C-alpha atoms as a PDB file:
ATOM      1  CA  UNK A   1    -129.013  12.405  64.278  1.00  0.00           C
ATOM      2  CA  UNK A   2    -132.281  12.313  66.149  1.00  0.00           C
ATOM      3  CA  UNK A   3    -134.401   9.644  65.691  1.00  0.00           C
ATOM      4  CA  UNK A   4    -137.525  11.318  64.347  1.00  0.00           C
ATOM      5  CA  UNK A   5    -134.870  12.562  61.194  1.00  0.00           C
ATOM      6  CA  UNK A   6    -133.711   9.408  60.508  1.00  0.00           C
ATOM      7  CA  UNK A   7    -137.280   8.220  59.847  1.00  0.00           C
ATOM      8  CA  UNK A   8    -138.612  10.714  57.951  1.00  0.00           C
ATOM      9  CA  UNK A   9    -135.272  11.153  55.712  1.00  0.00           C
ATOM     10  CA  UNK A  10    -136.034   7.339  55.130  1.00  0.00           C
ATOM     11  CA  UNK A  11    -139.222   7.664  53.951  1.00  0.00           C
ATOM     12  CA  UNK A  12    -138.415  10.804  52.117  1.00  0.00           C
ATOM     13  CA  UNK A  13    -136.050   8.131  50.482  1.00  0.00           C
ATOM     14  CA  UNK A  14    -137.994   5.604  49.089  1.00  0.00           C
ATOM     15  CA  UNK A  15    -140.217   7.813  48.081  1.00  0.00           C
ATOM     16  CA  UNK A  16    -137.655   9.840  45.994  1.00  0.00           C
ATOM     17  CA  UNK A  17    -136.556   6.056  44.385  1.00  0.00           C
ATOM     18  CA  UNK A  18    -139.764   6.622  41.988  1.00  0.00           C
ATOM     19  CA  UNK A  19    -137.807   9.326  40.132  1.00  0.00           C
ATOM     20  CA  UNK A  20    -135.277   6.554  39.928  1.00  0.00           C
ATOM     21  CA  UNK A  21    -138.001   5.239  37.263  1.00  0.00           C
ATOM     22  CA  UNK A  22    -137.805   3.790  33.720  1.00  0.00           C
ATOM     23  CA  UNK A  23    -138.044   6.265  31.172  1.00  0.00           C
ATOM     24  CA  UNK A  24    -141.370   5.659  30.182  1.00  0.00           C
ATOM     25  CA  UNK A  25    -143.050   5.518  33.136  1.00  0.00           C
ATOM     26  CA  UNK A  26    -141.082   8.654  33.984  1.00  0.00           C
ATOM     27  CA  UNK A  27    -142.952  10.311  30.762  1.00  0.00           C
ATOM     28  CA  UNK A  28    -146.287   8.192  31.571  1.00  0.00           C
ATOM     29  CA  UNK A  29    -147.125   9.870  34.664  1.00  0.00           C
ATOM     30  CA  UNK A  30    -144.967  13.087  34.620  1.00  0.00           C
ATOM     31  CA  UNK A  31    -142.431  12.294  37.327  1.00  0.00           C
ATOM     32  CA  UNK A  32    -139.859  14.607  38.399  1.00  0.00           C
ATOM     33  CA  UNK A  33    -138.444  15.391  41.841  1.00  0.00           C
ATOM     34  CA  UNK A  34    -135.975  17.913  43.482  1.00  0.00           C
ATOM     35  CA  UNK A  35    -133.878  18.265  46.575  1.00  0.00           C
ATOM     36  CA  UNK A  36    -134.003  21.548  48.623  1.00  0.00           C
ATOM     37  CA  UNK A  37    -130.938  20.824  51.669  1.00  0.00           C
ATOM     38  CA  UNK A  38    -132.165  17.628  52.807  1.00  0.00           C
ATOM     39  CA  UNK A  39    -135.511  17.481  52.138  1.00  0.00           C
ATOM     40  CA  UNK A  40    -137.450  16.075  48.835  1.00  0.00           C
ATOM     41  CA  UNK A  41    -140.006  17.502  46.387  1.00  0.00           C
ATOM     42  CA  UNK A  42    -141.660  14.381  44.124  1.00  0.00           C
ATOM     43  CA  UNK A  43    -143.712  15.696  42.125  1.00  0.00           C
ATOM     44  CA  UNK A  44    -146.323  13.350  39.461  1.00  0.00           C
ATOM     45  CA  UNK A  45    -148.488  15.690  37.837  1.00  0.00           C
ATOM     46  CA  UNK A  46    -150.251  12.740  35.956  1.00  0.00           C
ATOM     47  CA  UNK A  47    -151.208  10.926  38.937  1.00  0.00           C
ATOM     48  CA  UNK A  48    -154.943  11.006  38.759  1.00  0.00           C
ATOM     49  CA  UNK A  49    -155.193  10.110  42.368  1.00  0.00           C
ATOM     50  CA  UNK A  50    -152.997  12.764  43.690  1.00  0.00           C
ATOM     51  CA  UNK A  51    -151.178  10.848  46.264  1.00  0.00           C
ATOM     52  CA  UNK A  52    -147.596  10.344  45.082  1.00  0.00           C
ATOM     53  CA  UNK A  53    -147.015  14.341  44.961  1.00  0.00           C
ATOM     54  CA  UNK A  54    -145.280  15.493  48.570  1.00  0.00           C
ATOM     55  CA  UNK A  55    -142.770  17.502  49.894  1.00  0.00           C
ATOM     56  CA  UNK A  56    -140.690  14.966  52.828  1.00  0.00           C
ATOM     57  CA  UNK A  57    -137.863  15.446  54.816  1.00  0.00           C
ATOM     58  CA  UNK A  58    -138.344  19.068  55.506  1.00  0.00           C
ATOM     59  CA  UNK A  59    -137.798  20.706  58.369  1.00  0.00           C
ATOM     60  CA  UNK A  60    -134.171  19.512  60.826  1.00  0.00           C
ATOM     61  CA  UNK A  61    -131.398  21.290  58.778  1.00  0.00           C
ATOM     62  CA  UNK A  62    -133.906  24.378  58.108  1.00  0.00           C
ATOM     63  CA  UNK A  63    -136.434  25.457  59.669  1.00  0.00           C
ATOM     64  CA  UNK A  64    -139.404  25.972  58.184  1.00  0.00           C
ATOM     65  CA  UNK A  65    -140.696  28.734  57.235  1.00  0.00           C
ATOM     66  CA  UNK A  66    -143.225  30.593  54.179  1.00  0.00           C
ATOM     67  CA  UNK A  67    -139.853  31.284  52.540  1.00  0.00           C
ATOM     68  CA  UNK A  68    -138.903  27.600  51.975  1.00  0.00           C
ATOM     69  CA  UNK A  69    -142.728  26.789  51.708  1.00  0.00           C
ATOM     70  CA  UNK A  70    -142.817  29.265  49.152  1.00  0.00           C
ATOM     71  CA  UNK A  71    -139.562  27.270  47.456  1.00  0.00           C
ATOM     72  CA  UNK A  72    -141.272  24.407  47.907  1.00  0.00           C
ATOM     73  CA  UNK A  73    -144.572  25.183  45.817  1.00  0.00           C
ATOM     74  CA  UNK A  74    -142.970  26.781  43.341  1.00  0.00           C
ATOM     75  CA  UNK A  75    -140.991  23.758  42.512  1.00  0.00           C
ATOM     76  CA  UNK A  76    -144.752  21.797  42.210  1.00  0.00           C
ATOM     77  CA  UNK A  77    -145.775  24.464  40.283  1.00  0.00           C
ATOM     78  CA  UNK A  78    -143.636  24.384  37.776  1.00  0.00           C
ATOM     79  CA  UNK A  79    -143.245  20.474  37.262  1.00  0.00           C
ATOM     80  CA  UNK A  80    -146.891  20.981  36.773  1.00  0.00           C
ATOM     81  CA  UNK A  81    -148.709  19.411  39.919  1.00  0.00           C
ATOM     82  CA  UNK A  82    -152.119  20.272  40.716  1.00  0.00           C
ATOM     83  CA  UNK A  83    -151.698  19.260  44.706  1.00  0.00           C
ATOM     84  CA  UNK A  84    -148.780  18.508  47.012  1.00  0.00           C
ATOM     85  CA  UNK A  85    -149.049  16.763  50.360  1.00  0.00           C
ATOM     86  CA  UNK A  86    -146.791  17.849  53.044  1.00  0.00           C
ATOM     87  CA  UNK A  87    -145.173  15.465  54.882  1.00  0.00           C
ATOM     88  CA  UNK A  88    -144.034  16.744  58.214  1.00  0.00           C
ATOM     89  CA  UNK A  89    -142.782  15.344  61.282  1.00  0.00           C
ATOM     90  CA  UNK A  90    -144.869  17.274  64.343  1.00  0.00           C
ATOM     91  CA  UNK A  91    -141.540  18.431  65.904  1.00  0.00           C
ATOM     92  CA  UNK A  92    -140.513  20.530  62.910  1.00  0.00           C
ATOM     93  CA  UNK A  93    -143.970  22.930  62.256  1.00  0.00           C
ATOM     94  CA  UNK A  94    -143.335  26.149  63.449  1.00  0.00           C
ATOM     95  CA  UNK A  95    -146.082  27.913  66.273  1.00  0.00           C
ATOM     96  CA  UNK A  96    -146.877  30.163  63.219  1.00  0.00           C
ATOM     97  CA  UNK A  97    -147.575  27.062  60.845  1.00  0.00           C
ATOM     98  CA  UNK A  98    -151.460  28.094  60.770  1.00  0.00           C
ATOM     99  CA  UNK A  99    -150.432  31.173  59.605  1.00  0.00           C
ATOM    100  CA  UNK A 100    -148.362  29.917  56.732  1.00  0.00           C
ATOM    101  CA  UNK A 101    -151.342  27.602  55.722  1.00  0.00           C
ATOM    102  CA  UNK A 102    -153.399  30.345  55.226  1.00  0.00           C
ATOM    103  CA  UNK A 103    -151.077  31.961  53.337  1.00  0.00           C
ATOM    104  CA  UNK A 104    -150.660  29.985  50.850  1.00  0.00           C
ATOM    105  CA  UNK A 105    -154.239  27.880  51.015  1.00  0.00           C
ATOM    106  CA  UNK A 106    -152.304  24.801  52.712  1.00  0.00           C
ATOM    107  CA  UNK A 107    -155.385  22.585  54.463  1.00  0.00           C
ATOM    108  CA  UNK A 108    -155.253  20.030  56.936  1.00  0.00           C
ATOM    109  CA  UNK A 109    -155.708  16.111  55.538  1.00  0.00           C
ATOM    110  CA  UNK A 110    -155.818  13.088  56.815  1.00  0.00           C
ATOM    111  CA  UNK A 111    -154.169  11.992  59.546  1.00  0.00           C
ATOM    112  CA  UNK A 112    -150.917   9.356  59.834  1.00  0.00           C
ATOM    113  CA  UNK A 113    -149.235   7.401  62.755  1.00  0.00           C
ATOM    114  CA  UNK A 114    -145.154   6.523  62.267  1.00  0.00           C
ATOM    115  CA  UNK A 115    -144.694   3.335  63.919  1.00  0.00           C
ATOM    116  CA  UNK A 116    -140.974   2.061  64.590  1.00  0.00           C
ATOM    117  CA  UNK A 117    -139.359  -0.758  66.089  1.00  0.00           C
ATOM    118  CA  UNK A 118    -136.046  -1.058  67.694  1.00  0.00           C
ATOM    119  CA  UNK A 119    -133.435  -4.001  66.471  1.00  0.00           C
ATOM    120  CA  UNK A 120    -133.924  -7.004  68.516  1.00  0.00           C
ATOM    121  CA  UNK A 121    -134.844 -10.067  68.207  1.00  0.00           C
ATOM    122  CA  UNK A 122    -138.465 -10.964  65.991  1.00  0.00           C
ATOM    123  CA  UNK A 123    -140.695 -13.613  67.402  1.00  0.00           C
ATOM    124  CA  UNK A 124    -141.910 -15.827  64.265  1.00  0.00           C
ATOM    125  CA  UNK A 125    -145.835 -15.852  62.712  1.00  0.00           C
ATOM    126  CA  UNK A 126    -147.710 -18.741  62.302  1.00  0.00           C
ATOM    127  CA  UNK A 127    -149.043 -18.680  58.967  1.00  0.00           C
ATOM    128  CA  UNK A 128    -150.309 -21.691  56.337  1.00  0.00           C
ATOM    129  CA  UNK A 129    -148.575 -19.469  53.435  1.00  0.00           C
ATOM    130  CA  UNK A 130    -145.211 -19.871  51.762  1.00  0.00           C
ATOM    131  CA  UNK A 131    -143.054 -15.754  52.623  1.00  0.00           C
ATOM    132  CA  UNK A 132    -140.429 -14.972  50.240  1.00  0.00           C
ATOM    133  CA  UNK A 133    -138.690 -12.515  48.186  1.00  0.00           C
ATOM    134  CA  UNK A 134    -140.427 -12.384  45.011  1.00  0.00           C
ATOM    135  CA  UNK A 135    -138.253 -13.002  41.624  1.00  0.00           C
ATOM    136  CA  UNK A 136    -137.849 -10.502  39.141  1.00  0.00           C
ATOM    137  CA  UNK A 137    -140.374 -11.899  36.646  1.00  0.00           C
ATOM    138  CA  UNK A 138    -143.545 -11.470  39.479  1.00  0.00           C
ATOM    139  CA  UNK A 139    -142.947  -8.084  39.919  1.00  0.00           C
ATOM    140  CA  UNK A 140    -145.911  -7.431  37.089  1.00  0.00           C
ATOM    141  CA  UNK A 141    -147.772  -9.762  39.754  1.00  0.00           C
ATOM    142  CA  UNK A 142    -147.213  -8.162  42.729  1.00  0.00           C
ATOM    143  CA  UNK A 143    -147.759  -4.776  41.463  1.00  0.00           C
ATOM    144  CA  UNK A 144    -151.287  -5.806  40.187  1.00  0.00           C
ATOM    145  CA  UNK A 145    -151.929  -7.140  44.100  1.00  0.00           C
ATOM    146  CA  UNK A 146    -151.671  -3.855  45.153  1.00  0.00           C
ATOM    147  CA  UNK A 147    -153.194  -1.941  42.196  1.00  0.00           C
ATOM    148  CA  UNK A 148    -156.230  -4.526  43.096  1.00  0.00           C
ATOM    149  CA  UNK A 149    -156.220  -3.986  46.538  1.00  0.00           C
ATOM    150  CA  UNK A 150    -155.644  -0.013  47.428  1.00  0.00           C
ATOM    151  CA  UNK A 151    -157.532   0.511  44.141  1.00  0.00           C
ATOM    152  CA  UNK A 152    -154.546   2.053  42.294  1.00  0.00           C
ATOM    153  CA  UNK A 153    -155.210   3.711  38.742  1.00  0.00           C
ATOM    154  CA  UNK A 154    -154.433   0.751  36.436  1.00  0.00           C
ATOM    155  CA  UNK A 155    -151.642   3.186  34.666  1.00  0.00           C
ATOM    156  CA  UNK A 156    -149.791   3.056  37.838  1.00  0.00           C
ATOM    157  CA  UNK A 157    -148.688  -0.598  36.989  1.00  0.00           C
ATOM    158  CA  UNK A 158    -145.423  -0.515  35.570  1.00  0.00           C
ATOM    159  CA  UNK A 159    -144.311   1.603  38.769  1.00  0.00           C
ATOM    160  CA  UNK A 160    -144.683   0.075  40.871  1.00  0.00           C
ATOM    161  CA  UNK A 161    -143.241  -2.596  39.356  1.00  0.00           C
ATOM    162  CA  UNK A 162    -140.629  -1.084  38.587  1.00  0.00           C
ATOM    163  CA  UNK A 163    -140.443   0.121  42.296  1.00  0.00           C
ATOM    164  CA  UNK A 164    -140.293  -4.002  42.968  1.00  0.00           C
ATOM    165  CA  UNK A 165    -136.927  -4.112  40.852  1.00  0.00           C
ATOM    166  CA  UNK A 166    -135.531  -0.921  42.559  1.00  0.00           C
ATOM    167  CA  UNK A 167    -131.798  -0.274  43.798  1.00  0.00           C
ATOM    168  CA  UNK A 168    -131.637  -0.518  47.529  1.00  0.00           C
ATOM    169  CA  UNK A 169    -135.415  -2.275  48.057  1.00  0.00           C
ATOM    170  CA  UNK A 170    -136.657  -5.678  48.145  1.00  0.00           C
ATOM    171  CA  UNK A 171    -140.233  -7.168  47.688  1.00  0.00           C
ATOM    172  CA  UNK A 172    -141.837  -9.590  49.624  1.00  0.00           C
ATOM    173  CA  UNK A 173    -144.984 -11.506  49.152  1.00  0.00           C
ATOM    174  CA  UNK A 174    -146.859 -14.735  50.945  1.00  0.00           C
ATOM    175  CA  UNK A 175    -148.151 -17.318  48.367  1.00  0.00           C
ATOM    176  CA  UNK A 176    -150.815 -20.225  48.527  1.00  0.00           C
ATOM    177  CA  UNK A 177    -149.587 -22.634  46.283  1.00  0.00           C
ATOM    178  CA  UNK A 178    -148.480 -20.762  43.565  1.00  0.00           C
ATOM    179  CA  UNK A 179    -150.774 -18.225  43.609  1.00  0.00           C
ATOM    180  CA  UNK A 180    -148.864 -14.054  44.884  1.00  0.00           C
ATOM    181  CA  UNK A 181    -151.490 -13.543  47.621  1.00  0.00           C
ATOM    182  CA  UNK A 182    -149.797 -10.852  49.578  1.00  0.00           C
ATOM    183  CA  UNK A 183    -147.131  -8.057  49.497  1.00  0.00           C
ATOM    184  CA  UNK A 184    -144.342  -5.927  50.689  1.00  0.00           C
ATOM    185  CA  UNK A 185    -141.731  -4.305  50.626  1.00  0.00           C
ATOM    186  CA  UNK A 186    -138.613  -3.123  52.231  1.00  0.00           C
ATOM    187  CA  UNK A 187    -136.272   0.308  51.145  1.00  0.00           C
ATOM    188  CA  UNK A 188    -133.214   0.219  53.521  1.00  0.00           C
ATOM    189  CA  UNK A 189    -132.017   3.944  53.918  1.00  0.00           C
ATOM    190  CA  UNK A 190    -128.527   3.824  55.974  1.00  0.00           C
ATOM    191  CA  UNK A 191    -129.436   2.659  59.471  1.00  0.00           C
ATOM    192  CA  UNK A 192    -133.589   2.803  58.909  1.00  0.00           C
ATOM    193  CA  UNK A 193    -135.679  -0.286  57.126  1.00  0.00           C
ATOM    194  CA  UNK A 194    -138.674   1.287  55.887  1.00  0.00           C
ATOM    195  CA  UNK A 195    -141.970  -0.587  55.625  1.00  0.00           C
ATOM    196  CA  UNK A 196    -144.189  -0.247  52.538  1.00  0.00           C
ATOM    197  CA  UNK A 197    -146.482  -1.636  49.793  1.00  0.00           C
ATOM    198  CA  UNK A 198    -148.199  -4.094  52.118  1.00  0.00           C
ATOM    199  CA  UNK A 199    -151.785  -5.293  50.689  1.00  0.00           C
ATOM    200  CA  UNK A 200    -153.503  -8.873  51.249  1.00  0.00           C
ATOM    201  CA  UNK A 201    -155.895  -9.781  48.834  1.00  0.00           C
ATOM    202  CA  UNK A 202    -159.485  -9.855  49.773  1.00  0.00           C
ATOM    203  CA  UNK A 203    -160.132 -13.641  50.365  1.00  0.00           C
ATOM    204  CA  UNK A 204    -156.885 -14.737  51.942  1.00  0.00           C
ATOM    205  CA  UNK A 205    -156.825 -12.082  55.198  1.00  0.00           C
ATOM    206  CA  UNK A 206    -156.999 -13.547  58.354  1.00  0.00           C
ATOM    207  CA  UNK A 207    -153.945 -16.280  57.441  1.00  0.00           C
ATOM    208  CA  UNK A 208    -151.231 -13.806  58.883  1.00  0.00           C
ATOM    209  CA  UNK A 209    -149.975 -12.802  55.900  1.00  0.00           C
ATOM    210  CA  UNK A 210    -149.133  -9.128  56.416  1.00  0.00           C
ATOM    211  CA  UNK A 211    -147.569  -9.804  59.899  1.00  0.00           C
ATOM    212  CA  UNK A 212    -145.367 -12.986  58.560  1.00  0.00           C
ATOM    213  CA  UNK A 213    -144.333 -10.237  55.817  1.00  0.00           C
ATOM    214  CA  UNK A 214    -143.703  -7.952  58.328  1.00  0.00           C
ATOM    215  CA  UNK A 215    -142.039  -9.735  61.019  1.00  0.00           C
ATOM    216  CA  UNK A 216    -139.528 -11.135  57.656  1.00  0.00           C
ATOM    217  CA  UNK A 217    -138.687  -7.442  56.292  1.00  0.00           C
ATOM    218  CA  UNK A 218    -137.831  -6.450  60.178  1.00  0.00           C
ATOM    219  CA  UNK A 219    -135.122 -10.086  60.512  1.00  0.00           C
ATOM    220  CA  UNK A 220    -134.192  -9.059  56.950  1.00  0.00           C
ATOM    221  CA  UNK A 221    -133.388  -5.552  57.856  1.00  0.00           C
ATOM    222  CA  UNK A 222    -131.514  -5.957  61.351  1.00  0.00           C
ATOM    223  CA  UNK A 223    -129.328  -8.748  60.126  1.00  0.00           C
ATOM    224  CA  UNK A 224    -128.425  -6.265  57.091  1.00  0.00           C
ATOM    225  CA  UNK A 225    -127.801  -3.552  60.417  1.00  0.00           C
ATOM    226  CA  UNK A 226    -130.640  -1.294  60.763  1.00  0.00           C
ATOM    227  CA  UNK A 227    -131.201   0.044  63.705  1.00  0.00           C
ATOM    228  CA  UNK A 228    -134.630   0.090  63.409  1.00  0.00           C
ATOM    229  CA  UNK A 229    -137.348  -0.492  60.972  1.00  0.00           C
ATOM    230  CA  UNK A 230    -140.055   2.017  60.914  1.00  0.00           C
ATOM    231  CA  UNK A 231    -143.229   1.953  58.476  1.00  0.00           C
ATOM    232  CA  UNK A 232    -146.667   4.543  57.703  1.00  0.00           C
ATOM    233  CA  UNK A 233    -150.693   3.591  58.511  1.00  0.00           C
ATOM    234  CA  UNK A 234    -153.916   6.100  58.937  1.00  0.00           C
ATOM    235  CA  UNK A 235    -154.476   6.514  62.056  1.00  0.00           C
ATOM    236  CA  UNK A 236    -157.559   5.431  63.687  1.00  0.00           C
ATOM    237  CA  UNK A 237    -160.675   7.100  64.800  1.00  0.00           C
ATOM    238  CA  UNK A 238    -162.602   6.308  68.373  1.00  0.00           C
ATOM    239  CA  UNK A 239    -163.273   2.659  68.536  1.00  0.00           C
ATOM    240  CA  UNK A 240    -161.837   1.911  64.726  1.00  0.00           C
ATOM    241  CA  UNK A 241    -159.555  -0.698  63.728  1.00  0.00           C
ATOM    242  CA  UNK A 242    -156.645  -0.396  61.232  1.00  0.00           C
ATOM    243  CA  UNK A 243    -155.444  -4.327  60.693  1.00  0.00           C
ATOM    244  CA  UNK A 244    -152.276  -2.539  59.372  1.00  0.00           C
ATOM    245  CA  UNK A 245    -151.545  -0.957  62.612  1.00  0.00           C
ATOM    246  CA  UNK A 246    -152.307  -4.243  64.687  1.00  0.00           C
ATOM    247  CA  UNK A 247    -150.340  -5.713  62.670  1.00  0.00           C
ATOM    248  CA  UNK A 248    -147.405  -3.888  62.885  1.00  0.00           C
ATOM    249  CA  UNK A 249    -147.757  -3.364  66.741  1.00  0.00           C
ATOM    250  CA  UNK A 250    -147.881  -7.375  66.528  1.00  0.00           C
ATOM    251  CA  UNK A 251    -144.330  -7.817  65.663  1.00  0.00           C
ATOM    252  CA  UNK A 252    -143.708  -5.250  68.234  1.00  0.00           C
ATOM    253  CA  UNK A 253    -143.792  -1.458  66.859  1.00  0.00           C
ATOM    254  CA  UNK A 254    -145.212   0.738  68.840  1.00  0.00           C
ATOM    255  CA  UNK A 255    -146.825   4.167  67.606  1.00  0.00           C
ATOM    256  CA  UNK A 256    -143.686   7.054  67.651  1.00  0.00           C
ATOM    257  CA  UNK A 257    -145.811  10.698  66.974  1.00  0.00           C
ATOM    258  CA  UNK A 258    -149.297  11.136  65.033  1.00  0.00           C
ATOM    259  CA  UNK A 259    -148.689  12.657  61.603  1.00  0.00           C
ATOM    260  CA  UNK A 260    -151.583  15.159  60.025  1.00  0.00           C
ATOM    261  CA  UNK A 261    -150.679  15.867  56.018  1.00  0.00           C
ATOM    262  CA  UNK A 262    -150.897  19.264  54.991  1.00  0.00           C
ATOM    263  CA  UNK A 263    -152.248  19.480  51.363  1.00  0.00           C
ATOM    264  CA  UNK A 264    -151.915  22.073  49.187  1.00  0.00           C
ATOM    265  CA  UNK A 265    -153.997  22.377  45.426  1.00  0.00           C
ATOM    266  CA  UNK A 266    -154.253  24.555  42.392  1.00  0.00           C
END
């Protein structure tokens, strides 16, 4: 299996974990999912920010063509989704992708970068904050930090809290005394550790929280047998600074590729 496929499938499995949320969360947010070959379609029909519904991991076991895109969109429509975001590695896009997009009304959105780090010694990151794994009774506070920093609707708090305790997922934090001020999560999928959910409360930035949490996740992933760790963030524009990307690079991540996000809307 090529590295790109490993990275994309790990990200897909991370998103698929949302389908295993508690029944009350699934019902409240309209969560459903379907696997098509090795790809996944995740629908969150009641997501007011239209972020979570996506198609991910396609193009490796079956070429992407009009028929496959039609099948994916039929799943989304049947589940009541008004939006579907296509997260597809650039190398799997067919030569006629622009024609397929025009056929289904799919448009290009923002661009993410996929960053990766190979297993190896991780240099310590200095911080005056305490870094560790959150306890089960801290999941709600861990989720609330992300709600605040990302501007996610409060009705998704239970979704994020459940994610923190899902199988295969380890949630991390940084504390200033007894106050949880930064978050992160590690999702292990085969030989890849997916690093997500990185936030720091504004008043506590600049103290090394995210770099330290990222370094801890990389260490734990490699100790668990992962050969790579990976993460995603928005691609900065010319002259712009992306602190998330800078933190990744500080811990030894390198950009593997840019990945435009394509969106279908009803």
